[in-house]
């Protein structure tokens, strides 16, 4: 079975266009949409993020996907602090609190990664082992 990140992005964009709340995982990638039509893609190992839909409209996502690698031009990093999702823009280092983010589901997904992979591998993937702060 071939798994496509592009297809997963299109799926979450469709949920955002319908203004439906959704959350799903694909390996180390997390996808969520909210009732306002916003959708995001998070990459857990490097704590990267990019918005894929805004106000019910799909956004262009620069992605190069082939059998060996996946390259995405992420716009932000993310961190969970006190059950809130904080985004930091790569371009100007500005921080934004993403109020409608499903923080509990994101935290649970990251915890599952901790159980699935040995500590040494998680450290190499840049996933924080501190439960109060995921960087």
Protein backbone atom coordinates (compact mmCIF):
# COMPACT_ATOMS: atom_id res chain seq x y z
CA UNK A 1 0.00 0.00 0.00
CA UNK A 2 1.43 3.34 -1.03
CA UNK A 3 1.05 6.14 1.50
CA UNK A 4 1.16 9.68 0.21
CA UNK A 5 1.76 12.78 2.30
CA UNK A 6 0.22 14.87 -0.48
CA UNK A 7 -2.98 12.83 -0.25
CA UNK A 8 -3.07 13.28 3.54
CA UNK A 9 -2.65 17.05 3.11
CA UNK A 10 -5.49 17.11 0.58
CA UNK A 11 -7.66 15.14 3.01
CA UNK A 12 -7.14 17.62 5.87
CA UNK A 13 -7.63 20.54 3.48
CA UNK A 14 -10.98 19.01 2.51
CA UNK A 15 -11.97 18.79 6.17
CA UNK A 16 -10.98 22.44 6.64
CA UNK A 17 -12.96 23.52 3.58
CA UNK A 18 -16.00 21.78 5.11
CA UNK A 19 -15.12 23.50 8.43
CA UNK A 20 -15.02 20.14 10.22
CA UNK A 21 -12.86 19.42 13.25
CA UNK A 22 -10.44 16.61 12.42
CA UNK A 23 -7.19 15.10 13.70
CA UNK A 24 -5.16 12.28 12.23
CA UNK A 25 -1.64 10.91 12.18
CA UNK A 26 0.59 9.52 9.47
CA UNK A 27 3.86 8.29 10.96
CA UNK A 28 5.57 11.36 12.45
CA UNK A 29 3.14 13.75 10.73
CA UNK A 30 0.08 15.14 12.54
CA UNK A 31 -2.79 16.84 10.75
CA UNK A 32 -5.63 18.85 12.24
CA UNK A 33 -8.41 21.14 11.13
CA UNK A 34 -10.82 23.30 13.12
CA UNK A 35 -14.36 24.62 12.84
CA UNK A 36 -13.10 27.93 11.40
CA UNK A 37 -11.57 26.19 8.38
CA UNK A 38 -7.91 26.37 9.44
CA UNK A 39 -5.68 23.30 9.06
CA UNK A 40 -2.09 22.55 10.00
CA UNK A 41 0.53 19.90 9.35
CA UNK A 42 3.00 19.18 12.18
CA UNK A 43 6.16 17.11 11.83
CA UNK A 44 7.01 15.72 15.25
CA UNK A 45 10.69 14.77 14.95
CA UNK A 46 11.89 18.29 14.11
CA UNK A 47 8.89 20.15 15.65
CA UNK A 48 8.10 21.77 12.30
CA UNK A 49 4.72 23.16 11.25
CA UNK A 50 2.98 24.63 8.23
CA UNK A 51 -0.53 25.91 7.74
CA UNK A 52 -2.27 24.06 4.90
CA UNK A 53 -5.70 25.78 4.99
CA UNK A 54 -6.97 29.14 6.19
CA UNK A 55 -10.62 30.15 6.63
CA UNK A 56 -11.84 27.19 4.59
CA UNK A 57 -9.43 27.70 1.69
CA UNK A 58 -6.60 25.32 0.83
CA UNK A 59 -3.15 26.87 0.85
CA UNK A 60 -0.32 25.96 -1.50
CA UNK A 61 2.17 23.60 0.18
CA UNK A 62 5.59 23.25 -1.43
CA UNK A 63 6.34 19.55 -1.08
CA UNK A 64 8.77 17.25 -2.87
CA UNK A 65 7.77 13.67 -2.20
CA UNK A 66 9.57 10.67 -3.67
CA UNK A 67 10.17 7.09 -2.47
CA UNK A 68 13.37 8.03 -0.61
CA UNK A 69 12.67 11.47 0.88
CA UNK A 70 10.01 14.01 1.70
CA UNK A 71 10.93 17.68 1.62
CA UNK A 72 8.56 20.38 2.86
CA UNK A 73 9.29 24.06 3.19
CA UNK A 74 7.97 24.46 6.76
CA UNK A 75 7.11 27.98 7.94
CA UNK A 76 7.13 27.47 11.73
CA UNK A 77 8.36 25.40 14.61
CA UNK A 78 5.92 24.31 17.31
CA UNK A 79 6.05 23.62 21.01
CA UNK A 80 3.48 22.60 23.61
CA UNK A 81 3.65 24.74 26.75
CA UNK A 82 1.10 24.39 29.55
CA UNK A 83 -1.33 22.57 27.23
CA UNK A 84 -1.11 25.28 24.57
CA UNK A 85 0.39 25.11 21.11
CA UNK A 86 2.93 27.87 20.44
CA UNK A 87 4.16 28.49 16.89
CA UNK A 88 7.39 30.34 16.13
CA UNK A 89 7.81 31.67 12.60
CA UNK A 90 11.10 30.86 10.90
CA UNK A 91 11.24 34.18 9.04
CA UNK A 92 10.86 36.68 11.91
CA UNK A 93 10.83 34.50 15.07
CA UNK A 94 7.39 35.87 16.03
CA UNK A 95 5.36 33.63 18.33
CA UNK A 96 1.68 32.82 17.95
CA UNK A 97 -0.62 30.92 20.30
CA UNK A 98 -2.79 28.57 18.25
CA UNK A 99 -5.91 28.63 20.43
CA UNK A 100 -7.99 26.08 18.51
CA UNK A 101 -5.25 23.44 18.31
CA UNK A 102 -6.11 19.97 19.69
CA UNK A 103 -3.28 20.05 22.23
CA UNK A 104 -4.43 16.96 24.11
CA UNK A 105 -4.43 14.89 20.93
CA UNK A 106 -1.06 16.28 19.85
CA UNK A 107 0.44 15.49 23.25
CA UNK A 108 -1.02 11.96 23.18
CA UNK A 109 0.42 11.36 19.69
CA UNK A 110 3.87 12.45 20.87
CA UNK A 111 3.57 10.15 23.90
CA UNK A 112 2.81 7.26 21.54
CA UNK A 113 6.04 8.04 19.70
CA UNK A 114 7.88 7.83 23.02
CA UNK A 115 6.48 4.36 23.59
CA UNK A 116 7.11 3.21 20.01
CA UNK A 117 10.77 4.22 19.71
CA UNK A 118 13.78 3.78 22.05
CA UNK A 119 15.01 6.84 23.95
CA UNK A 120 18.23 7.04 21.90
CA UNK A 121 16.29 7.19 18.63
CA UNK A 122 13.97 9.90 19.98
CA UNK A 123 16.95 12.00 21.02
CA UNK A 124 18.34 11.71 17.49
CA UNK A 125 14.93 12.75 16.09
CA UNK A 126 14.91 15.88 18.31
CA UNK A 127 11.75 14.94 20.22
CA UNK A 128 11.83 16.33 23.74
CA UNK A 129 11.33 13.75 26.47
CA UNK A 130 9.99 16.40 28.89
CA UNK A 131 6.21 15.95 29.17
CA UNK A 132 5.53 19.60 30.03
CA UNK A 133 7.37 20.94 27.01
CA UNK A 134 7.62 19.36 23.60
CA UNK A 135 10.21 21.06 21.43
